[in-house]
Amino acid sequence: QQYDYLLKRYLLNIERENDISMKQFREIQETLHPMGGLQERIWNPLQILNDFGTDVFKPSTYPPLSYTFDHIIIKP
């Protein structure tokens, strides 16, 4: 009887872990193919602009990178 109980609990635990993994795969699938279609048909830059305004793409949001032509030698 105890063996059957442990076996049942073990199988339920495996099933729960598989459900969690499958949920994560479904989330990835929904991100890659929203509503079963193509991303470019669903996600649009205009939606981002409407939701967050035009400041999203301004340089103050993403500071400019500094470039130098100096060589850096890294020694172990």
N, C-alpha and C. Protein backbone atom coordinates (compact mmCIF):
# COMPACT_ATOMS: atom_id res chain seq x y z
N GLN A 1 0.83 -1.19 0.00
CA GLN A 1 0.00 0.00 0.00
C GLN A 1 0.88 1.26 0.00
N GLN A 2 1.92 1.26 0.82
CA GLN A 2 2.80 2.41 0.86
C GLN A 2 3.57 2.56 -0.46
N TYR A 3 3.92 1.44 -1.06
CA TYR A 3 4.60 1.48 -2.35
C TYR A 3 3.70 2.12 -3.40
N ASP A 4 2.43 1.74 -3.42
CA ASP A 4 1.49 2.32 -4.39
C ASP A 4 1.34 3.83 -4.16
N TYR A 5 1.30 4.23 -2.90
CA TYR A 5 1.19 5.65 -2.58
C TYR A 5 2.42 6.40 -3.08
N LEU A 6 3.61 5.87 -2.80
CA LEU A 6 4.84 6.53 -3.25
C LEU A 6 4.93 6.58 -4.77
N LEU A 7 4.52 5.51 -5.41
CA LEU A 7 4.53 5.49 -6.87
C LEU A 7 3.57 6.54 -7.43
N LYS A 8 2.40 6.64 -6.84
CA LYS A 8 1.41 7.63 -7.29
C LYS A 8 1.94 9.05 -7.09
N ARG A 9 2.54 9.31 -5.92
CA ARG A 9 3.09 10.64 -5.65
C ARG A 9 4.24 10.96 -6.61
N TYR A 10 5.07 9.96 -6.89
CA TYR A 10 6.18 10.14 -7.81
C TYR A 10 5.68 10.49 -9.21
N LEU A 11 4.68 9.77 -9.67
CA LEU A 11 4.13 10.03 -11.01
C LEU A 11 3.45 11.39 -11.06
N LEU A 12 2.76 11.78 -9.99
CA LEU A 12 2.15 13.11 -9.96
C LEU A 12 3.21 14.21 -10.00
N ASN A 13 4.31 13.99 -9.31
CA ASN A 13 5.39 14.97 -9.30
C ASN A 13 6.01 15.10 -10.69
N ILE A 14 6.23 14.00 -11.36
CA ILE A 14 6.78 14.03 -12.72
C ILE A 14 5.80 14.74 -13.66
N GLU A 15 4.52 14.45 -13.51
CA GLU A 15 3.52 15.09 -14.36
C GLU A 15 3.49 16.59 -14.12
N ARG A 16 3.61 17.02 -12.86
CA ARG A 16 3.61 18.44 -12.56
C ARG A 16 4.84 19.12 -13.15
N GLU A 17 6.00 18.49 -13.05
CA GLU A 17 7.22 19.05 -13.64
C GLU A 17 7.09 19.16 -15.15
N ASN A 18 6.49 18.16 -15.77
CA ASN A 18 6.29 18.20 -17.22
C ASN A 18 5.31 19.30 -17.59
N ASP A 19 4.29 19.51 -16.77
CA ASP A 19 3.34 20.59 -17.04
C ASP A 19 4.02 21.95 -16.99
N ILE A 20 4.92 22.12 -16.02
CA ILE A 20 5.66 23.38 -15.91
C ILE A 20 6.53 23.59 -17.15
N SER A 21 7.23 22.55 -17.57
CA SER A 21 8.08 22.66 -18.77
C SER A 21 7.25 22.95 -20.00
N MET A 22 6.13 22.27 -20.14
CA MET A 22 5.28 22.49 -21.31
C MET A 22 4.68 23.89 -21.30
N LYS A 23 4.38 24.43 -20.12
CA LYS A 23 3.88 25.80 -20.03
C LYS A 23 4.94 26.77 -20.52
N GLN A 24 6.19 26.54 -20.14
CA GLN A 24 7.27 27.41 -20.60
C GLN A 24 7.44 27.32 -22.11
N PHE A 25 7.33 26.13 -22.68
CA PHE A 25 7.41 26.00 -24.13
C PHE A 25 6.25 26.70 -24.82
N ARG A 26 5.06 26.63 -24.23
CA ARG A 26 3.90 27.33 -24.81
C ARG A 26 4.11 28.84 -24.77
N GLU A 27 4.71 29.36 -23.69
CA GLU A 27 4.99 30.79 -23.62
C GLU A 27 5.99 31.21 -24.70
N ILE A 28 7.02 30.39 -24.91
CA ILE A 28 7.99 30.68 -25.96
C ILE A 28 7.30 30.64 -27.33
N GLN A 29 6.48 29.64 -27.55
CA GLN A 29 5.75 29.52 -28.81
C GLN A 29 4.86 30.74 -29.04
N GLU A 30 4.18 31.19 -27.99
CA GLU A 30 3.30 32.35 -28.12
C GLU A 30 4.10 33.62 -28.38
N THR A 31 5.30 33.70 -27.83
CA THR A 31 6.15 34.86 -28.09
C THR A 31 6.66 34.86 -29.52
N LEU A 32 7.06 33.68 -30.01
CA LEU A 32 7.60 33.59 -31.36
C LEU A 32 6.51 33.69 -32.42
N HIS A 33 5.33 33.17 -32.11
CA HIS A 33 4.21 33.19 -33.05
C HIS A 33 2.95 33.66 -32.32
N PRO A 34 2.82 34.98 -32.08
CA PRO A 34 1.67 35.47 -31.34
C PRO A 34 0.36 35.19 -32.08
N MET A 35 -0.60 34.67 -31.34
CA MET A 35 -1.92 34.31 -31.88
C MET A 35 -1.80 33.39 -33.08
N GLY A 36 -0.75 32.57 -33.12
CA GLY A 36 -0.56 31.62 -34.20
C GLY A 36 -0.09 32.24 -35.50
N GLY A 37 0.23 33.52 -35.49
CA GLY A 37 0.65 34.19 -36.71
C GLY A 37 2.10 34.63 -36.64
N LEU A 38 2.41 35.60 -37.47
CA LEU A 38 3.77 36.12 -37.54
C LEU A 38 3.93 37.34 -36.63
N GLN A 39 5.12 37.50 -36.07
CA GLN A 39 5.37 38.62 -35.17
C GLN A 39 5.17 39.96 -35.86
N GLU A 40 5.64 40.05 -37.09
CA GLU A 40 5.55 41.35 -37.77
C GLU A 40 4.11 41.75 -38.06
N ARG A 41 3.20 40.80 -38.00
CA ARG A 41 1.78 41.13 -38.19
C ARG A 41 1.13 41.57 -36.88
N ILE A 42 1.75 41.22 -35.76
CA ILE A 42 1.17 41.53 -34.46
C ILE A 42 1.93 42.65 -33.77
N TRP A 43 3.24 42.50 -33.63
CA TRP A 43 4.05 43.50 -32.95
C TRP A 43 4.46 44.56 -33.95
N ASN A 44 4.13 45.80 -33.65
CA ASN A 44 4.35 46.88 -34.57
C ASN A 44 5.03 48.03 -33.83
N PRO A 45 5.99 48.71 -34.44
CA PRO A 45 6.62 49.85 -33.76
C PRO A 45 5.62 50.94 -33.38
N LEU A 46 4.54 51.07 -34.14
CA LEU A 46 3.54 52.08 -33.80
C LEU A 46 2.86 51.76 -32.47
N GLN A 47 2.69 50.49 -32.17
CA GLN A 47 2.13 50.13 -30.87
C GLN A 47 3.05 50.56 -29.74
N ILE A 48 4.35 50.38 -29.93
CA ILE A 48 5.31 50.80 -28.91
C ILE A 48 5.25 52.32 -28.74
N LEU A 49 5.18 53.03 -29.85
CA LEU A 49 5.10 54.49 -29.77
C LEU A 49 3.81 54.93 -29.09
N ASN A 50 2.70 54.27 -29.38
CA ASN A 50 1.44 54.62 -28.75
C ASN A 50 1.46 54.32 -27.25
N ASP A 51 2.06 53.21 -26.87
CA ASP A 51 2.07 52.82 -25.46
C ASP A 51 3.06 53.63 -24.63
N PHE A 52 4.25 53.91 -25.18
CA PHE A 52 5.31 54.52 -24.38
C PHE A 52 5.71 55.91 -24.85
N GLY A 53 5.17 56.39 -25.95
CA GLY A 53 5.50 57.71 -26.44
C GLY A 53 6.77 57.71 -27.29
N THR A 54 7.07 58.87 -27.83
CA THR A 54 8.21 58.97 -28.74
C THR A 54 9.55 59.01 -27.99
N ASP A 55 9.52 59.15 -26.68
CA ASP A 55 10.76 59.21 -25.91
C ASP A 55 11.46 57.86 -25.81
N VAL A 56 10.80 56.80 -26.22
CA VAL A 56 11.39 55.47 -26.11
C VAL A 56 12.68 55.37 -26.92
N PHE A 57 12.71 55.98 -28.08
CA PHE A 57 13.85 55.82 -28.97
C PHE A 57 14.83 57.00 -28.92
N LYS A 58 14.67 57.88 -27.95
CA LYS A 58 15.57 59.03 -27.85
C LYS A 58 16.92 58.61 -27.26
N PRO A 59 17.99 59.35 -27.58
CA PRO A 59 19.31 59.00 -27.05
C PRO A 59 19.39 59.03 -25.53
N SER A 60 18.51 59.82 -24.87
CA SER A 60 18.56 59.85 -23.41
C SER A 60 18.14 58.51 -22.82
N THR A 61 17.32 57.76 -23.54
CA THR A 61 16.92 56.44 -23.08
C THR A 61 18.08 55.47 -23.22
N TYR A 62 18.76 55.55 -24.34
CA TYR A 62 19.91 54.70 -24.61
C TYR A 62 21.11 55.60 -24.81
N PRO A 63 21.95 55.78 -23.79
CA PRO A 63 23.07 56.72 -23.93
C PRO A 63 24.03 56.29 -25.04
N PRO A 64 24.59 57.25 -25.74
CA PRO A 64 25.51 56.91 -26.83
C PRO A 64 26.76 56.21 -26.29
N LEU A 65 27.25 55.29 -27.06
CA LEU A 65 28.46 54.56 -26.68
C LEU A 65 29.69 55.38 -27.02
N SER A 66 30.70 55.27 -26.19
CA SER A 66 31.94 56.00 -26.47
C SER A 66 32.89 55.07 -27.23
N TYR A 67 33.46 55.60 -28.28
CA TYR A 67 34.38 54.83 -29.11
C TYR A 67 35.76 55.44 -29.02
N THR A 68 36.76 54.60 -28.91
CA THR A 68 38.14 55.06 -28.95
C THR A 68 38.90 54.14 -29.89
N PHE A 69 40.00 54.64 -30.40
CA PHE A 69 40.82 53.85 -31.30
C PHE A 69 42.07 53.33 -30.57
N ASP A 70 42.05 53.40 -29.24
CA ASP A 70 43.18 52.92 -28.45
C ASP A 70 43.13 51.40 -28.37
N HIS A 71 44.32 50.80 -28.44
CA HIS A 71 44.41 49.35 -28.30
C HIS A 71 44.63 49.01 -26.83
N ILE A 72 43.94 48.01 -26.38
CA ILE A 72 44.10 47.56 -25.00
C ILE A 72 44.66 46.15 -25.04
N ILE A 73 45.77 45.95 -24.37
CA ILE A 73 46.39 44.63 -24.31
C ILE A 73 46.11 44.04 -22.94
N ILE A 74 45.52 42.88 -22.95
CA ILE A 74 45.20 42.20 -21.70
C ILE A 74 46.15 41.03 -21.55
N LYS A 75 46.88 41.02 -20.46
CA LYS A 75 47.84 39.95 -20.20
C LYS A 75 47.30 39.04 -19.10
N PRO A 76 47.51 37.73 -19.25
CA PRO A 76 47.01 36.82 -18.20
C PRO A 76 47.81 36.91 -16.93
